[in-house]
C-alpha atoms as a PDB file:
ATOM      1  CA  MET A   1      45.744  84.205  37.656  1.00  0.00           C
ATOM      2  CA  GLY A   2      44.782  87.249  37.554  1.00  0.00           C
ATOM      3  CA  GLY A   3      44.875  89.715  39.664  1.00  0.00           C
ATOM      4  CA  GLU A   4      46.483  92.930  41.638  1.00  0.00           C
ATOM      5  CA  LEU A   5      47.974  93.827  44.683  1.00  0.00           C
ATOM      6  CA  VAL A   6      46.793  96.822  45.472  1.00  0.00           C
ATOM      7  CA  GLU A   7      48.515  97.426  49.342  1.00  0.00           C
ATOM      8  CA  PHE A   8      51.064  95.541  51.683  1.00  0.00           C
ATOM      9  CA  GLY A   9      52.752  96.613  54.842  1.00  0.00           C
ATOM     10  CA  GLY A  10      53.100  94.710  58.583  1.00  0.00           C
ATOM     11  CA  GLU A  11      55.317  94.414  60.903  1.00  0.00           C
ATOM     12  CA  ALA A  12      58.118  92.211  62.194  1.00  0.00           C
ATOM     13  CA  GLY A  13      56.893  88.696  62.018  1.00  0.00           C
ATOM     14  CA  HIS A  14      53.699  89.627  59.587  1.00  0.00           C
ATOM     15  CA  VAL A  15      52.272  90.962  56.625  1.00  0.00           C
ATOM     16  CA  HIS A  16      49.227  92.624  55.370  1.00  0.00           C
ATOM     17  CA  LEU A  17      48.616  92.439  51.951  1.00  0.00           C
ATOM     18  CA  LEU A  18      45.283  93.563  50.395  1.00  0.00           C
ATOM     19  CA  PHE A  19      44.221  91.839  46.835  1.00  0.00           C
ATOM     20  CA  GLU A  20      42.073  92.575  44.026  1.00  0.00           C
ATOM     21  CA  ILE A  21      40.960  89.356  42.463  1.00  0.00           C
ATOM     22  CA  PRO A  22      38.571  88.042  39.967  1.00  0.00           C
ATOM     23  CA  PRO A  23      35.582  86.122  41.661  1.00  0.00           C
ATOM     24  CA  THR A  24      36.874  83.111  39.765  1.00  0.00           C
ATOM     25  CA  VAL A  25      39.761  83.261  41.480  1.00  0.00           C
ATOM     26  CA  LYS A  26      39.219  80.769  44.770  1.00  0.00           C
ATOM     27  CA  LEU A  27      40.948  82.061  47.487  1.00  0.00           C
ATOM     28  CA  SER A  28      42.534  79.217  48.313  1.00  0.00           C
ATOM     29  CA  ASP A  29      44.045  78.714  45.963  1.00  0.00           C
ATOM     30  CA  LEU A  30      45.870  82.678  45.711  1.00  0.00           C
ATOM     31  CA  VAL A  31      46.905  81.809  49.780  1.00  0.00           C
ATOM     32  CA  LYS A  32      48.684  78.077  48.298  1.00  0.00           C
ATOM     33  CA  ASN A  33      50.314  79.645  45.921  1.00  0.00           C
ATOM     34  CA  LEU A  34      51.758  82.999  47.982  1.00  0.00           C
ATOM     35  CA  LYS A  35      52.850  80.745  50.641  1.00  0.00           C
ATOM     36  CA  SER A  36      54.306  78.686  48.418  1.00  0.00           C
ATOM     37  CA  VAL A  37      56.230  81.526  45.834  1.00  0.00           C
ATOM     38  CA  THR A  38      57.039  82.636  49.710  1.00  0.00           C
ATOM     39  CA  ALA A  39      58.820  79.809  51.067  1.00  0.00           C
ATOM     40  CA  ARG A  40      60.645  79.280  47.916  1.00  0.00           C
ATOM     41  CA  ARG A  41      62.223  82.658  48.076  1.00  0.00           C
ATOM     42  CA  MET A  42      62.735  82.676  51.645  1.00  0.00           C
ATOM     43  CA  ARG A  43      64.783  79.489  51.074  1.00  0.00           C
ATOM     44  CA  ARG A  44      66.659  80.774  48.473  1.00  0.00           C
ATOM     45  CA  GLU A  45      67.702  83.556  50.232  1.00  0.00           C
ATOM     46  CA  LEU A  46      68.696  82.399  53.907  1.00  0.00           C
ATOM     47  CA  ALA A  47      70.274  79.282  52.553  1.00  0.00           C
ATOM     48  CA  ALA A  48      73.487  79.893  53.715  1.00  0.00           C
ATOM     49  CA  GLU A  49      71.817  80.639  57.248  1.00  0.00           C
ATOM     50  CA  ILE A  50      69.612  77.946  57.458  1.00  0.00           C
ATOM     51  CA  GLY A  51      72.264  75.511  57.121  1.00  0.00           C
ATOM     52  CA  SER A  52      74.904  77.611  59.636  1.00  0.00           C
ATOM     53  CA  PRO A  53      75.278  76.239  62.744  1.00  0.00           C
ATOM     54  CA  THR A  54      75.883  79.591  64.400  1.00  0.00           C
ATOM     55  CA  SER A  55      72.273  80.823  63.198  1.00  0.00           C
ATOM     56  CA  GLY A  56      70.047  78.305  65.520  1.00  0.00           C
ATOM     57  CA  ILE A  57      68.100  76.688  63.030  1.00  0.00           C
ATOM     58  CA  GLY A  58      69.389  73.429  61.383  1.00  0.00           C
ATOM     59  CA  LEU A  59      68.187  71.070  58.965  1.00  0.00           C
ATOM     60  CA  MET A  60      67.840  67.587  59.965  1.00  0.00           C
ATOM     61  CA  PRO A  61      69.822  65.029  58.538  1.00  0.00           C
END
């Protein structure tokens, strides 16, 4: 896709990202890819907690 993460920061619940991307890259494609990778990684890292009845988060059958 091309591009570079220039700066990042944030607080609990949100992040700030500054990317430098070529003009040929659609912003919507960058956001879609970023959200997809982030969701996949969070599911993988939090898999035990997501299925735990004590976590308050459950998956509907």
